[in-house]
Amino acid sequence: MISKHSHEQSDRGEGVEVVQNEPFEDPNHGQGQFTEKRVYLNSKLPSWARAVVPKIFYVTEKAWNYYPYTITEYTCSFLPKFSIHIETKYEDNKGSNDNIFETELKDQEREVCFVDIAYDEIPERYYKESEDLRYFKSEKTSRGVLQEGWRDTQEPIMCSYKLVTVKFEVWGLQTRVEQFVHKVVRDVLLLGHRQAFAWVDEWIDMTLDDVRDYERKMHEKTNIKVCDEQTDHSTTTPTSLDDIEIHDKART
C-alpha cells in the first residue's frame, strides 16, 4: 500500500522514485527487504523554504524492513546537516506499551503523540470520502465502521509505534525546521495508515510474492511519472548552496 500511496502522490516530476528494492539480511534482525527512494517534494515545502531550495530538490529515503521492526532514514545532499530517523515496531495492542523503544535516547524528553486514523483531521487536499474510516466498511473482512472509542472495542487491533528523531543543525532555523518536519511526518503517517486500512480489500488476499510483484509494477509506473519531468529540468537547476548563492548574486 506504500507503493500505491507513492504512485498517487507522484505527478509532474514530483513524488517518489524507487532506486533500489531488494532482499537484505542483517546479522541481528534476520531476513528483510531494503529499499532506497528519492522523494521529490519542492512544491510541498513552505514558502520560506522554497526561497532557498533548488527546484529539483529531493530527499533520499533508505528503509530496512525486518517486520515487525523497521528502520527508515531520510537525508538530503543539499542539506548535509539534516536527517530524519524513524524506528517502527508493531505490536498487537492498543498503544499501551510505553517502553517499546530501548535506545540511548530513552532518558531524553520525548513528545508522545497518539494518531487516530479515524478521527484526527487530515489536510483537506488529501481527503477522500472512500477513505473516511468513520464510514468505511471492509467487504472482505467486515472490519469497520470505526466509531468513537474504536480502539477500545475493535478486534483484531495492531499499533504501529514510531520513534521519530529529526535533526537540522543550522543556527537560526533549527527549531523552526524540526517542528515543521515533525508535523509533516505526522500528517504523512496519518494519511498512510488511513489508506492502509481503507484499502484492506485490495491487499488482504495477497501472498508475499504477490506483494513483490505489485511493488515492482507500481514502482515502474511511478518512476515514469517522476523521472520524465526531472530529466527536463536537470540541466538548468542549481544543485548546491554555492550555486544558489551565485545565482542570487547574478540577479542582484
C-alpha atoms as a PDB file:
ATOM      1  CA  MET A   1       0.000   0.000   0.000  1.00  0.00           C
ATOM      2  CA  ILE A   2       3.035   2.263   0.388  1.00  0.00           C
ATOM      3  CA  SER A   3       3.669   1.685  -3.320  1.00  0.00           C
ATOM      4  CA  LYS A   4       0.123   2.684  -4.223  1.00  0.00           C
ATOM      5  CA  HIS A   5       0.274   5.750  -1.960  1.00  0.00           C
ATOM      6  CA  SER A   6       3.587   6.810  -3.543  1.00  0.00           C
ATOM      7  CA  HIS A   7       2.088   6.447  -7.009  1.00  0.00           C
ATOM      8  CA  GLU A   8      -0.935   8.582  -6.082  1.00  0.00           C
ATOM      9  CA  GLN A   9       1.250  11.322  -4.611  1.00  0.00           C
ATOM     10  CA  SER A  10       3.572  11.433  -7.643  1.00  0.00           C
ATOM     11  CA  ASP A  11       2.829  13.733 -10.547  1.00  0.00           C
ATOM     12  CA  ARG A  12       4.546  16.149 -12.924  1.00  0.00           C
ATOM     13  CA  GLY A  13       8.067  15.442 -11.743  1.00  0.00           C
ATOM     14  CA  GLU A  14       7.313  15.261  -8.031  1.00  0.00           C
ATOM     15  CA  GLY A  15       6.789  12.259  -5.836  1.00  0.00           C
ATOM     16  CA  VAL A  16       8.721   9.067  -5.167  1.00  0.00           C
ATOM     17  CA  GLU A  17      11.333   7.497  -7.444  1.00  0.00           C
ATOM     18  CA  VAL A  18      12.345   3.946  -6.459  1.00  0.00           C
ATOM     19  CA  VAL A  19      16.103   3.447  -6.872  1.00  0.00           C
ATOM     20  CA  GLN A  20      16.520   0.056  -5.210  1.00  0.00           C
ATOM     21  CA  ASN A  21      14.222  -2.645  -3.769  1.00  0.00           C
ATOM     22  CA  GLU A  22      15.797  -5.958  -2.913  1.00  0.00           C
ATOM     23  CA  PRO A  23      16.126  -8.641  -0.196  1.00  0.00           C
ATOM     24  CA  PHE A  24      18.567  -7.875   2.598  1.00  0.00           C
ATOM     25  CA  GLU A  25      19.833  -9.933   5.525  1.00  0.00           C
ATOM     26  CA  ASP A  26      21.016  -8.440   8.796  1.00  0.00           C
ATOM     27  CA  PRO A  27      23.032 -10.432  11.362  1.00  0.00           C
ATOM     28  CA  ASN A  28      20.837  -9.137  14.200  1.00  0.00           C
ATOM     29  CA  HIS A  29      17.398  -8.732  12.622  1.00  0.00           C
ATOM     30  CA  GLY A  30      17.490 -11.556  10.077  1.00  0.00           C
ATOM     31  CA  GLN A  31      15.946 -11.586   6.606  1.00  0.00           C
ATOM     32  CA  GLY A  32      14.337  -8.364   5.396  1.00  0.00           C
ATOM     33  CA  GLN A  33      13.846  -6.002   2.489  1.00  0.00           C
ATOM     34  CA  PHE A  34      15.932  -2.929   1.666  1.00  0.00           C
ATOM     35  CA  THR A  35      14.547  -0.036  -0.363  1.00  0.00           C
ATOM     36  CA  GLU A  36      16.113   3.239  -1.485  1.00  0.00           C
ATOM     37  CA  LYS A  37      13.945   6.028  -2.858  1.00  0.00           C
ATOM     38  CA  ARG A  38      14.234   9.644  -3.913  1.00  0.00           C
ATOM     39  CA  VAL A  39      11.378  11.832  -2.717  1.00  0.00           C
ATOM     40  CA  TYR A  40      10.883  14.983  -4.827  1.00  0.00           C
ATOM     41  CA  LEU A  41       8.740  17.488  -2.930  1.00  0.00           C
ATOM     42  CA  ASN A  42       9.611  21.078  -3.734  1.00  0.00           C
ATOM     43  CA  SER A  43       6.003  22.253  -4.141  1.00  0.00           C
ATOM     44  CA  LYS A  44       5.116  20.823  -0.715  1.00  0.00           C
ATOM     45  CA  LEU A  45       7.663  22.993   1.075  1.00  0.00           C
ATOM     46  CA  PRO A  46       6.563  26.199   2.838  1.00  0.00           C
ATOM     47  CA  SER A  47       7.339  29.442   1.008  1.00  0.00           C
ATOM     48  CA  TRP A  48      10.222  30.333   3.332  1.00  0.00           C
ATOM     49  CA  ALA A  49      11.938  27.041   2.441  1.00  0.00           C
ATOM     50  CA  ARG A  50      11.284  27.214  -1.304  1.00  0.00           C
ATOM     51  CA  ALA A  51      13.115  30.560  -1.384  1.00  0.00           C
ATOM     52  CA  VAL A  52      16.462  28.855  -0.681  1.00  0.00           C
ATOM     53  CA  VAL A  53      15.924  25.372  -2.135  1.00  0.00           C
ATOM     54  CA  PRO A  54      16.674  24.414  -5.767  1.00  0.00           C
ATOM     55  CA  LYS A  55      13.686  23.355  -7.852  1.00  0.00           C
ATOM     56  CA  ILE A  56      14.976  19.825  -8.376  1.00  0.00           C
ATOM     57  CA  PHE A  57      15.217  19.024  -4.697  1.00  0.00           C
ATOM     58  CA  TYR A  58      14.908  15.535  -3.319  1.00  0.00           C
ATOM     59  CA  VAL A  59      15.281  13.633  -0.090  1.00  0.00           C
ATOM     60  CA  THR A  60      16.881  10.191  -0.059  1.00  0.00           C
ATOM     61  CA  GLU A  61      14.898   7.571   1.831  1.00  0.00           C
ATOM     62  CA  LYS A  62      16.550   4.324   2.898  1.00  0.00           C
ATOM     63  CA  ALA A  63      14.455   1.696   4.647  1.00  0.00           C
ATOM     64  CA  TRP A  64      15.256  -1.686   6.159  1.00  0.00           C
ATOM     65  CA  ASN A  65      12.129  -3.751   6.780  1.00  0.00           C
ATOM     66  CA  TYR A  66      12.517  -6.645   9.230  1.00  0.00           C
ATOM     67  CA  TYR A  67       8.856  -6.823  10.101  1.00  0.00           C
ATOM     68  CA  PRO A  68       7.710  -6.351  12.828  1.00  0.00           C
ATOM     69  CA  TYR A  69      10.675  -3.977  13.145  1.00  0.00           C
ATOM     70  CA  THR A  70      11.724  -1.421  10.532  1.00  0.00           C
ATOM     71  CA  ILE A  71      14.269   1.388  10.234  1.00  0.00           C
ATOM     72  CA  THR A  72      13.805   4.364   7.903  1.00  0.00           C
ATOM     73  CA  GLU A  73      16.319   7.150   7.327  1.00  0.00           C
ATOM     74  CA  TYR A  74      15.945  10.389   5.349  1.00  0.00           C
ATOM     75  CA  THR A  75      18.863  12.538   4.263  1.00  0.00           C
ATOM     76  CA  CYS A  76      19.450  15.328   1.757  1.00  0.00           C
ATOM     77  CA  SER A  77      22.727  16.076  -0.027  1.00  0.00           C
ATOM     78  CA  PHE A  78      21.635  19.702  -0.392  1.00  0.00           C
ATOM     79  CA  LEU A  79      21.302  19.952   3.417  1.00  0.00           C
ATOM     80  CA  PRO A  80      24.073  17.789   4.894  1.00  0.00           C
ATOM     81  CA  LYS A  81      23.116  18.663   8.487  1.00  0.00           C
ATOM     82  CA  PHE A  82      19.528  17.493   8.027  1.00  0.00           C
ATOM     83  CA  SER A  83      18.300  13.978   8.822  1.00  0.00           C
ATOM     84  CA  ILE A  84      15.206  12.069   9.941  1.00  0.00           C
ATOM     85  CA  HIS A  85      15.482   8.693  11.653  1.00  0.00           C
ATOM     86  CA  ILE A  86      12.359   6.589  12.227  1.00  0.00           C
ATOM     87  CA  GLU A  87      12.206   3.297  14.065  1.00  0.00           C
ATOM     88  CA  THR A  88       8.960   1.333  13.819  1.00  0.00           C
ATOM     89  CA  LYS A  89       7.709  -1.571  15.892  1.00  0.00           C
ATOM     90  CA  TYR A  90       4.356  -3.288  15.521  1.00  0.00           C
ATOM     91  CA  GLU A  91       2.513  -4.930  18.403  1.00  0.00           C
ATOM     92  CA  ASP A  92      -0.950  -6.433  18.758  1.00  0.00           C
ATOM     93  CA  ASN A  93      -2.244  -3.966  21.340  1.00  0.00           C
ATOM     94  CA  LYS A  94      -3.960  -0.574  21.614  1.00  0.00           C
ATOM     95  CA  GLY A  95      -0.841   1.534  22.100  1.00  0.00           C
ATOM     96  CA  SER A  96      -0.372   0.549  25.733  1.00  0.00           C
ATOM     97  CA  ASN A  97       3.367  -0.209  25.636  1.00  0.00           C
ATOM     98  CA  ASP A  98       5.132   2.895  26.990  1.00  0.00           C
ATOM     99  CA  ASN A  99       8.628   1.383  26.868  1.00  0.00           C
ATOM    100  CA  ILE A 100       8.706  -0.314  23.492  1.00  0.00           C
ATOM    101  CA  PHE A 101      11.855   1.509  22.338  1.00  0.00           C
ATOM    102  CA  GLU A 102      15.013   0.828  24.335  1.00  0.00           C
ATOM    103  CA  THR A 103      17.565   3.265  22.943  1.00  0.00           C
ATOM    104  CA  GLU A 104      20.237   5.665  24.152  1.00  0.00           C
ATOM    105  CA  LEU A 105      17.621   8.421  23.811  1.00  0.00           C
ATOM    106  CA  LYS A 106      15.246   6.896  26.356  1.00  0.00           C
ATOM    107  CA  ASP A 107      16.219   9.353  29.088  1.00  0.00           C
ATOM    108  CA  GLN A 108      15.732  12.400  26.872  1.00  0.00           C
ATOM    109  CA  GLU A 109      12.487  14.323  26.708  1.00  0.00           C
ATOM    110  CA  ARG A 110      10.042  12.963  24.142  1.00  0.00           C
ATOM    111  CA  GLU A 111       6.720  14.185  22.886  1.00  0.00           C
ATOM    112  CA  VAL A 112       4.244  11.302  22.711  1.00  0.00           C
ATOM    113  CA  CYS A 113       1.626  11.748  20.001  1.00  0.00           C
ATOM    114  CA  PHE A 114      -1.323   9.402  19.523  1.00  0.00           C
ATOM    115  CA  VAL A 115      -2.523   9.224  15.911  1.00  0.00           C
ATOM    116  CA  ASP A 116      -6.188   8.300  15.482  1.00  0.00           C
ATOM    117  CA  ILE A 117      -6.613   7.122  11.876  1.00  0.00           C
ATOM    118  CA  ALA A 118     -10.383   7.590  12.008  1.00  0.00           C
ATOM    119  CA  TYR A 119     -10.963  10.883  13.814  1.00  0.00           C
ATOM    120  CA  ASP A 120      -7.818  13.015  13.509  1.00  0.00           C
ATOM    121  CA  GLU A 121      -8.133  15.697  10.836  1.00  0.00           C
ATOM    122  CA  ILE A 122      -6.060  15.369   7.678  1.00  0.00           C
ATOM    123  CA  PRO A 123      -5.135  18.181   5.275  1.00  0.00           C
ATOM    124  CA  GLU A 124      -8.227  18.965   3.198  1.00  0.00           C
ATOM    125  CA  ARG A 125      -6.445  18.359  -0.116  1.00  0.00           C
ATOM    126  CA  TYR A 126      -5.944  14.693   0.843  1.00  0.00           C
ATOM    127  CA  TYR A 127      -9.481  13.951   1.976  1.00  0.00           C
ATOM    128  CA  LYS A 128     -11.430  11.259   0.137  1.00  0.00           C
ATOM    129  CA  GLU A 129     -14.831  10.057   1.280  1.00  0.00           C
ATOM    130  CA  SER A 130     -13.920   6.487   0.284  1.00  0.00           C
ATOM    131  CA  GLU A 131     -11.015   6.636   2.769  1.00  0.00           C
ATOM    132  CA  ASP A 132     -13.016   8.171   5.629  1.00  0.00           C
ATOM    133  CA  LEU A 133     -12.893   5.413   8.225  1.00  0.00           C
ATOM    134  CA  ARG A 134     -15.911   6.830  10.048  1.00  0.00           C
ATOM    135  CA  TYR A 135     -17.968   5.456   7.145  1.00  0.00           C
ATOM    136  CA  PHE A 136     -15.794   2.740   5.584  1.00  0.00           C
ATOM    137  CA  LYS A 137     -16.588  -0.949   5.999  1.00  0.00           C
ATOM    138  CA  SER A 138     -14.465  -3.727   4.502  1.00  0.00           C
ATOM    139  CA  GLU A 139     -16.387  -6.137   2.290  1.00  0.00           C
ATOM    140  CA  LYS A 140     -13.893  -8.979   2.695  1.00  0.00           C
ATOM    141  CA  THR A 141     -13.165  -8.707   6.423  1.00  0.00           C
ATOM    142  CA  SER A 142     -16.275  -6.859   7.726  1.00  0.00           C
ATOM    143  CA  ARG A 143     -13.937  -4.557   9.689  1.00  0.00           C
ATOM    144  CA  GLY A 144     -15.246  -1.040  10.257  1.00  0.00           C
ATOM    145  CA  VAL A 145     -17.096   1.268  10.560  1.00  0.00           C
ATOM    146  CA  LEU A 146     -14.703   2.837  13.142  1.00  0.00           C
ATOM    147  CA  GLN A 147     -16.839   4.649  15.685  1.00  0.00           C
ATOM    148  CA  GLU A 148     -15.760   6.936  18.532  1.00  0.00           C
ATOM    149  CA  GLY A 149     -13.710   4.884  21.002  1.00  0.00           C
ATOM    150  CA  TRP A 150     -12.942   2.239  18.363  1.00  0.00           C
ATOM    151  CA  ARG A 151      -9.542   1.496  19.884  1.00  0.00           C
ATOM    152  CA  ASP A 152     -11.260   0.019  22.945  1.00  0.00           C
ATOM    153  CA  THR A 153     -13.755  -2.104  21.022  1.00  0.00           C
ATOM    154  CA  GLN A 154     -12.213  -3.254  17.727  1.00  0.00           C
ATOM    155  CA  GLU A 155     -10.686  -6.710  17.301  1.00  0.00           C
ATOM    156  CA  PRO A 156      -8.203  -7.537  15.904  1.00  0.00           C
ATOM    157  CA  ILE A 157      -6.131  -4.431  16.562  1.00  0.00           C
ATOM    158  CA  MET A 158      -2.489  -3.519  15.977  1.00  0.00           C
ATOM    159  CA  CYS A 159      -0.455  -0.467  16.976  1.00  0.00           C
ATOM    160  CA  SER A 160       2.344   0.903  14.830  1.00  0.00           C
ATOM    161  CA  TYR A 161       4.826   2.551  17.214  1.00  0.00           C
ATOM    162  CA  LYS A 162       7.122   5.176  15.673  1.00  0.00           C
ATOM    163  CA  LEU A 163      10.188   6.765  17.238  1.00  0.00           C
ATOM    164  CA  VAL A 164      10.894   9.852  15.105  1.00  0.00           C
ATOM    165  CA  THR A 165      14.124  11.800  15.501  1.00  0.00           C
ATOM    166  CA  VAL A 166      14.678  14.974  13.452  1.00  0.00           C
ATOM    167  CA  LYS A 167      17.988  16.816  13.244  1.00  0.00           C
ATOM    168  CA  PHE A 168      18.697  20.087  11.460  1.00  0.00           C
ATOM    169  CA  GLU A 169      21.884  21.660  12.780  1.00  0.00           C
ATOM    170  CA  VAL A 170      21.689  25.117  11.246  1.00  0.00           C
ATOM    171  CA  TRP A 171      21.701  28.053  13.618  1.00  0.00           C
ATOM    172  CA  GLY A 172      18.614  30.258  13.396  1.00  0.00           C
ATOM    173  CA  LEU A 173      16.496  27.685  11.566  1.00  0.00           C
ATOM    174  CA  GLN A 174      16.904  24.563  13.678  1.00  0.00           C
ATOM    175  CA  THR A 175      13.767  24.795  15.819  1.00  0.00           C
ATOM    176  CA  ARG A 176      11.540  26.034  13.005  1.00  0.00           C
ATOM    177  CA  VAL A 177      12.609  23.313  10.581  1.00  0.00           C
ATOM    178  CA  GLU A 178      12.453  20.495  13.131  1.00  0.00           C
ATOM    179  CA  GLN A 179       8.935  21.498  14.222  1.00  0.00           C
ATOM    180  CA  PHE A 180       7.794  21.718  10.600  1.00  0.00           C
ATOM    181  CA  VAL A 181       9.247  18.295   9.761  1.00  0.00           C
ATOM    182  CA  HIS A 182       7.618  16.643  12.773  1.00  0.00           C
ATOM    183  CA  LYS A 183       4.233  17.984  11.645  1.00  0.00           C
ATOM    184  CA  VAL A 184       4.797  16.790   8.073  1.00  0.00           C
ATOM    185  CA  VAL A 185       5.846  13.329   9.273  1.00  0.00           C
ATOM    186  CA  ARG A 186       2.738  13.093  11.435  1.00  0.00           C
ATOM    187  CA  ASP A 187       0.462  14.070   8.527  1.00  0.00           C
ATOM    188  CA  VAL A 188       2.139  11.512   6.244  1.00  0.00           C
ATOM    189  CA  LEU A 189       1.775   8.740   8.821  1.00  0.00           C
ATOM    190  CA  LEU A 190      -1.854   9.640   9.476  1.00  0.00           C
ATOM    191  CA  LEU A 191      -2.765   9.577   5.783  1.00  0.00           C
ATOM    192  CA  GLY A 192      -0.759   6.452   5.034  1.00  0.00           C
ATOM    193  CA  HIS A 193      -2.273   4.408   7.835  1.00  0.00           C
ATOM    194  CA  ARG A 194      -5.788   5.587   6.997  1.00  0.00           C
ATOM    195  CA  GLN A 195      -5.257   4.366   3.453  1.00  0.00           C
ATOM    196  CA  ALA A 196      -3.747   1.053   4.554  1.00  0.00           C
ATOM    197  CA  PHE A 197      -6.991   0.321   6.399  1.00  0.00           C
ATOM    198  CA  ALA A 198      -9.293   1.699   3.699  1.00  0.00           C
ATOM    199  CA  TRP A 199      -7.509  -0.381   1.042  1.00  0.00           C
ATOM    200  CA  VAL A 200      -7.604  -3.627   3.067  1.00  0.00           C
ATOM    201  CA  ASP A 201      -9.767  -5.424   0.482  1.00  0.00           C
ATOM    202  CA  GLU A 202      -7.027  -4.873  -2.105  1.00  0.00           C
ATOM    203  CA  TRP A 203      -4.206  -6.468  -0.086  1.00  0.00           C
ATOM    204  CA  ILE A 204      -5.786  -8.888   2.384  1.00  0.00           C
ATOM    205  CA  ASP A 205      -5.570 -11.867  -0.016  1.00  0.00           C
ATOM    206  CA  MET A 206      -2.035 -11.137  -1.284  1.00  0.00           C
ATOM    207  CA  THR A 207       0.856 -13.528  -0.717  1.00  0.00           C
ATOM    208  CA  LEU A 208       4.336 -12.086  -0.207  1.00  0.00           C
ATOM    209  CA  ASP A 209       5.138 -12.962  -3.834  1.00  0.00           C
ATOM    210  CA  ASP A 210       2.032 -11.035  -4.907  1.00  0.00           C
ATOM    211  CA  VAL A 211       3.238  -8.054  -2.869  1.00  0.00           C
ATOM    212  CA  ARG A 212       6.682  -8.035  -4.512  1.00  0.00           C
ATOM    213  CA  ASP A 213       5.138  -8.303  -7.984  1.00  0.00           C
ATOM    214  CA  TYR A 214       2.721  -5.460  -7.201  1.00  0.00           C
ATOM    215  CA  GLU A 215       5.574  -3.320  -5.859  1.00  0.00           C
ATOM    216  CA  ARG A 216       7.653  -3.891  -8.986  1.00  0.00           C
ATOM    217  CA  LYS A 217       4.844  -2.938 -11.371  1.00  0.00           C
ATOM    218  CA  MET A 218       3.807   0.099  -9.308  1.00  0.00           C
ATOM    219  CA  HIS A 219       7.391   1.290  -8.945  1.00  0.00           C
ATOM    220  CA  GLU A 220       7.861   1.178 -12.717  1.00  0.00           C
ATOM    221  CA  LYS A 221       4.720   3.265 -13.278  1.00  0.00           C
ATOM    222  CA  THR A 222       5.677   5.758 -10.567  1.00  0.00           C
ATOM    223  CA  ASN A 223       9.244   6.195 -11.805  1.00  0.00           C
ATOM    224  CA  ILE A 224       7.920   7.066 -15.259  1.00  0.00           C
ATOM    225  CA  LYS A 225       5.678   9.785 -13.769  1.00  0.00           C
ATOM    226  CA  VAL A 226       8.510  11.277 -11.737  1.00  0.00           C
ATOM    227  CA  CYS A 227      11.645  10.836 -13.844  1.00  0.00           C
ATOM    228  CA  ASP A 228      10.475  12.186 -17.200  1.00  0.00           C
ATOM    229  CA  GLU A 229       9.826  15.633 -15.742  1.00  0.00           C
ATOM    230  CA  GLN A 230      13.050  15.563 -13.717  1.00  0.00           C
ATOM    231  CA  THR A 231      15.060  14.976 -16.914  1.00  0.00           C
ATOM    232  CA  ASP A 232      13.564  18.103 -18.490  1.00  0.00           C
ATOM    233  CA  HIS A 233      14.845  20.301 -15.642  1.00  0.00           C
ATOM    234  CA  SER A 234      18.099  18.608 -14.683  1.00  0.00           C
ATOM    235  CA  THR A 235      20.377  20.758 -16.869  1.00  0.00           C
ATOM    236  CA  THR A 236      19.197  24.150 -15.615  1.00  0.00           C
ATOM    237  CA  THR A 237      18.627  23.747 -11.908  1.00  0.00           C
ATOM    238  CA  PRO A 238      21.206  24.717  -9.245  1.00  0.00           C
ATOM    239  CA  THR A 239      22.145  21.751  -7.063  1.00  0.00           C
ATOM    240  CA  SER A 240      24.049  23.240  -4.166  1.00  0.00           C
ATOM    241  CA  LEU A 241      24.094  26.169  -1.787  1.00  0.00           C
ATOM    242  CA  ASP A 242      27.062  27.649  -3.676  1.00  0.00           C
ATOM    243  CA  ASP A 243      25.147  27.528  -6.969  1.00  0.00           C
ATOM    244  CA  ILE A 244      22.166  29.264  -5.391  1.00  0.00           C
ATOM    245  CA  GLU A 245      24.401  31.964  -3.920  1.00  0.00           C
ATOM    246  CA  ILE A 246      25.942  32.587  -7.370  1.00  0.00           C
ATOM    247  CA  HIS A 247      22.508  32.806  -8.992  1.00  0.00           C
ATOM    248  CA  ASP A 248      21.327  35.237  -6.296  1.00  0.00           C
ATOM    249  CA  LYS A 249      24.359  37.476  -6.807  1.00  0.00           C
ATOM    250  CA  ALA A 250      23.771  37.465 -10.544  1.00  0.00           C
ATOM    251  CA  ARG A 251      20.170  38.602 -10.056  1.00  0.00           C
ATOM    252  CA  THR A 252      21.328  41.326  -7.659  1.00  0.00           C
END
